[in-house]
Amino acid sequence: MGTTHFKSNIVAQGKTITANTVTATTLTGNTSVTAPLLHSSGRIKIGDHQYIFISTANTAATIVAEATAIDASVKGSITLSSAGSMWLFTADNAATKVK
């Protein structure tokens, strides 16, 4: 049996949609996206091989390991650490602390 796909203009009455994956071409109005920490790393995909990662990690090696476990090509992505740091992926295998 295959996967079924459909288009809809579903509106969440409680203003919350809970799902493992949500794909939207446009977010309108007063919209926020929440990415929970999933095994210490959540993520929002913003383009082909580009992500905003949310993590509790705060070392380059750990940040890179978490990201490349998701996608081997992450150059241009960022990680926001709950430790108060932001990391920029300057290469697929290297992250530089920005703040």
C-alpha atoms as a PDB file:
ATOM      1  CA  MET A   1       0.000   0.000   0.000  1.00  0.00           C
ATOM      2  CA  GLY A   2       1.370   3.443  -0.907  1.00  0.00           C
ATOM      3  CA  THR A   3       1.398   6.763   0.872  1.00  0.00           C
ATOM      4  CA  THR A   4      -1.586   9.057   0.416  1.00  0.00           C
ATOM      5  CA  HIS A   5      -1.063  12.794  -0.055  1.00  0.00           C
ATOM      6  CA  PHE A   6      -3.686  15.509  -0.160  1.00  0.00           C
ATOM      7  CA  LYS A   7      -3.874  19.306  -0.231  1.00  0.00           C
ATOM      8  CA  SER A   8      -6.036  21.114   2.245  1.00  0.00           C
ATOM      9  CA  ASN A   9      -6.644  24.503   3.777  1.00  0.00           C
ATOM     10  CA  ILE A  10      -6.884  23.050   7.277  1.00  0.00           C
ATOM     11  CA  VAL A  11      -7.024  25.671  10.021  1.00  0.00           C
ATOM     12  CA  ALA A  12      -6.060  24.568  13.512  1.00  0.00           C
ATOM     13  CA  GLN A  13      -8.877  25.721  15.784  1.00  0.00           C
ATOM     14  CA  GLY A  14      -6.615  25.594  18.810  1.00  0.00           C
ATOM     15  CA  LYS A  15      -3.911  27.351  16.779  1.00  0.00           C
ATOM     16  CA  THR A  16      -1.581  24.354  17.165  1.00  0.00           C
ATOM     17  CA  ILE A  17      -0.721  21.524  14.797  1.00  0.00           C
ATOM     18  CA  THR A  18       1.302  18.660  16.243  1.00  0.00           C
ATOM     19  CA  ALA A  19       3.126  16.408  13.788  1.00  0.00           C
ATOM     20  CA  ASN A  20       6.483  14.773  13.184  1.00  0.00           C
ATOM     21  CA  THR A  21       6.854  16.704   9.924  1.00  0.00           C
ATOM     22  CA  VAL A  22       4.921  19.663   8.547  1.00  0.00           C
ATOM     23  CA  THR A  23       5.653  21.035   5.088  1.00  0.00           C
ATOM     24  CA  ALA A  24       4.264  24.456   4.243  1.00  0.00           C
ATOM     25  CA  THR A  25       5.042  26.620   1.225  1.00  0.00           C
ATOM     26  CA  THR A  26       3.778  29.746   3.011  1.00  0.00           C
ATOM     27  CA  LEU A  27       3.267  30.701   6.643  1.00  0.00           C
ATOM     28  CA  THR A  28       0.971  33.677   7.117  1.00  0.00           C
ATOM     29  CA  GLY A  29      -0.368  35.862   9.880  1.00  0.00           C
ATOM     30  CA  ASN A  30       1.048  35.805  13.369  1.00  0.00           C
ATOM     31  CA  THR A  31       2.888  32.512  12.801  1.00  0.00           C
ATOM     32  CA  SER A  32       5.442  30.823  14.984  1.00  0.00           C
ATOM     33  CA  VAL A  33       7.185  27.507  14.463  1.00  0.00           C
ATOM     34  CA  THR A  34       8.190  25.448  17.478  1.00  0.00           C
ATOM     35  CA  ALA A  35      10.865  22.782  17.103  1.00  0.00           C
ATOM     36  CA  PRO A  36      11.143  20.704  20.274  1.00  0.00           C
ATOM     37  CA  LEU A  37      14.422  19.219  21.327  1.00  0.00           C
ATOM     38  CA  LEU A  38      14.534  15.726  19.873  1.00  0.00           C
ATOM     39  CA  HIS A  39      17.362  13.740  21.420  1.00  0.00           C
ATOM     40  CA  SER A  40      19.104  17.090  22.091  1.00  0.00           C
ATOM     41  CA  SER A  41      18.644  18.337  18.513  1.00  0.00           C
ATOM     42  CA  GLY A  42      15.579  19.811  16.799  1.00  0.00           C
ATOM     43  CA  ARG A  43      15.655  21.370  13.355  1.00  0.00           C
ATOM     44  CA  ILE A  44      13.796  23.555  10.909  1.00  0.00           C
ATOM     45  CA  LYS A  45      14.593  22.922   7.242  1.00  0.00           C
ATOM     46  CA  ILE A  46      14.718  26.203   5.324  1.00  0.00           C
ATOM     47  CA  GLY A  47      16.052  25.080   1.949  1.00  0.00           C
ATOM     48  CA  ASP A  48      17.939  22.354   0.139  1.00  0.00           C
ATOM     49  CA  HIS A  49      20.548  21.218   2.673  1.00  0.00           C
ATOM     50  CA  GLN A  50      19.968  24.332   4.820  1.00  0.00           C
ATOM     51  CA  TYR A  51      18.697  24.131   8.373  1.00  0.00           C
ATOM     52  CA  ILE A  52      18.271  25.996  11.597  1.00  0.00           C
ATOM     53  CA  PHE A  53      19.289  23.458  14.224  1.00  0.00           C
ATOM     54  CA  ILE A  54      18.262  23.831  17.863  1.00  0.00           C
ATOM     55  CA  SER A  55      20.601  22.084  20.263  1.00  0.00           C
ATOM     56  CA  THR A  56      21.819  21.835  23.830  1.00  0.00           C
ATOM     57  CA  ALA A  57      25.377  21.202  22.561  1.00  0.00           C
ATOM     58  CA  ASN A  58      28.031  23.907  22.719  1.00  0.00           C
ATOM     59  CA  THR A  59      31.175  22.497  21.101  1.00  0.00           C
ATOM     60  CA  ALA A  60      32.048  22.511  17.418  1.00  0.00           C
ATOM     61  CA  ALA A  61      32.585  18.747  17.303  1.00  0.00           C
ATOM     62  CA  THR A  62      29.197  17.976  18.876  1.00  0.00           C
ATOM     63  CA  ILE A  63      27.360  20.579  16.763  1.00  0.00           C
ATOM     64  CA  VAL A  64      28.874  19.152  13.560  1.00  0.00           C
ATOM     65  CA  ALA A  65      28.164  15.548  14.602  1.00  0.00           C
ATOM     66  CA  GLU A  66      24.494  16.312  15.325  1.00  0.00           C
ATOM     67  CA  ALA A  67      24.009  18.174  12.047  1.00  0.00           C
ATOM     68  CA  THR A  68      25.802  15.727   9.776  1.00  0.00           C
ATOM     69  CA  ALA A  69      23.811  12.859  11.303  1.00  0.00           C
ATOM     70  CA  ILE A  70      20.793  14.560   9.687  1.00  0.00           C
ATOM     71  CA  ASP A  71      22.355  15.683   6.387  1.00  0.00           C
ATOM     72  CA  ALA A  72      25.950  15.384   5.153  1.00  0.00           C
ATOM     73  CA  SER A  73      25.727  18.741   3.309  1.00  0.00           C
ATOM     74  CA  VAL A  74      24.912  21.483   5.828  1.00  0.00           C
ATOM     75  CA  LYS A  75      27.149  24.383   4.728  1.00  0.00           C
ATOM     76  CA  GLY A  76      25.277  27.661   5.294  1.00  0.00           C
ATOM     77  CA  SER A  77      23.122  26.244   8.095  1.00  0.00           C
ATOM     78  CA  ILE A  78      23.142  27.518  11.680  1.00  0.00           C
ATOM     79  CA  THR A  79      22.791  26.003  15.111  1.00  0.00           C
ATOM     80  CA  LEU A  80      21.222  27.899  17.997  1.00  0.00           C
ATOM     81  CA  SER A  81      22.505  26.479  21.258  1.00  0.00           C
ATOM     82  CA  SER A  82      20.545  26.688  24.490  1.00  0.00           C
ATOM     83  CA  ALA A  83      23.943  27.504  26.034  1.00  0.00           C
ATOM     84  CA  GLY A  84      23.586  30.966  24.447  1.00  0.00           C
ATOM     85  CA  SER A  85      25.752  30.478  21.368  1.00  0.00           C
ATOM     86  CA  MET A  86      25.091  30.573  17.640  1.00  0.00           C
ATOM     87  CA  TRP A  87      27.147  28.462  15.249  1.00  0.00           C
ATOM     88  CA  LEU A  88      27.515  28.925  11.481  1.00  0.00           C
ATOM     89  CA  PHE A  89      28.397  25.965   9.268  1.00  0.00           C
ATOM     90  CA  THR A  90      31.217  27.394   7.122  1.00  0.00           C
ATOM     91  CA  ALA A  91      31.683  23.981   5.508  1.00  0.00           C
ATOM     92  CA  ASP A  92      29.813  20.690   5.556  1.00  0.00           C
ATOM     93  CA  ASN A  93      32.114  19.472   8.323  1.00  0.00           C
ATOM     94  CA  ALA A  94      32.957  22.687  10.209  1.00  0.00           C
ATOM     95  CA  ALA A  95      30.989  25.038  12.468  1.00  0.00           C
ATOM     96  CA  THR A  96      32.247  28.413  13.696  1.00  0.00           C
ATOM     97  CA  LYS A  97      30.929  30.039  16.856  1.00  0.00           C
ATOM     98  CA  VAL A  98      29.374  33.376  15.880  1.00  0.00           C
ATOM     99  CA  LYS A  99      28.340  34.557  19.339  1.00  0.00           C
END
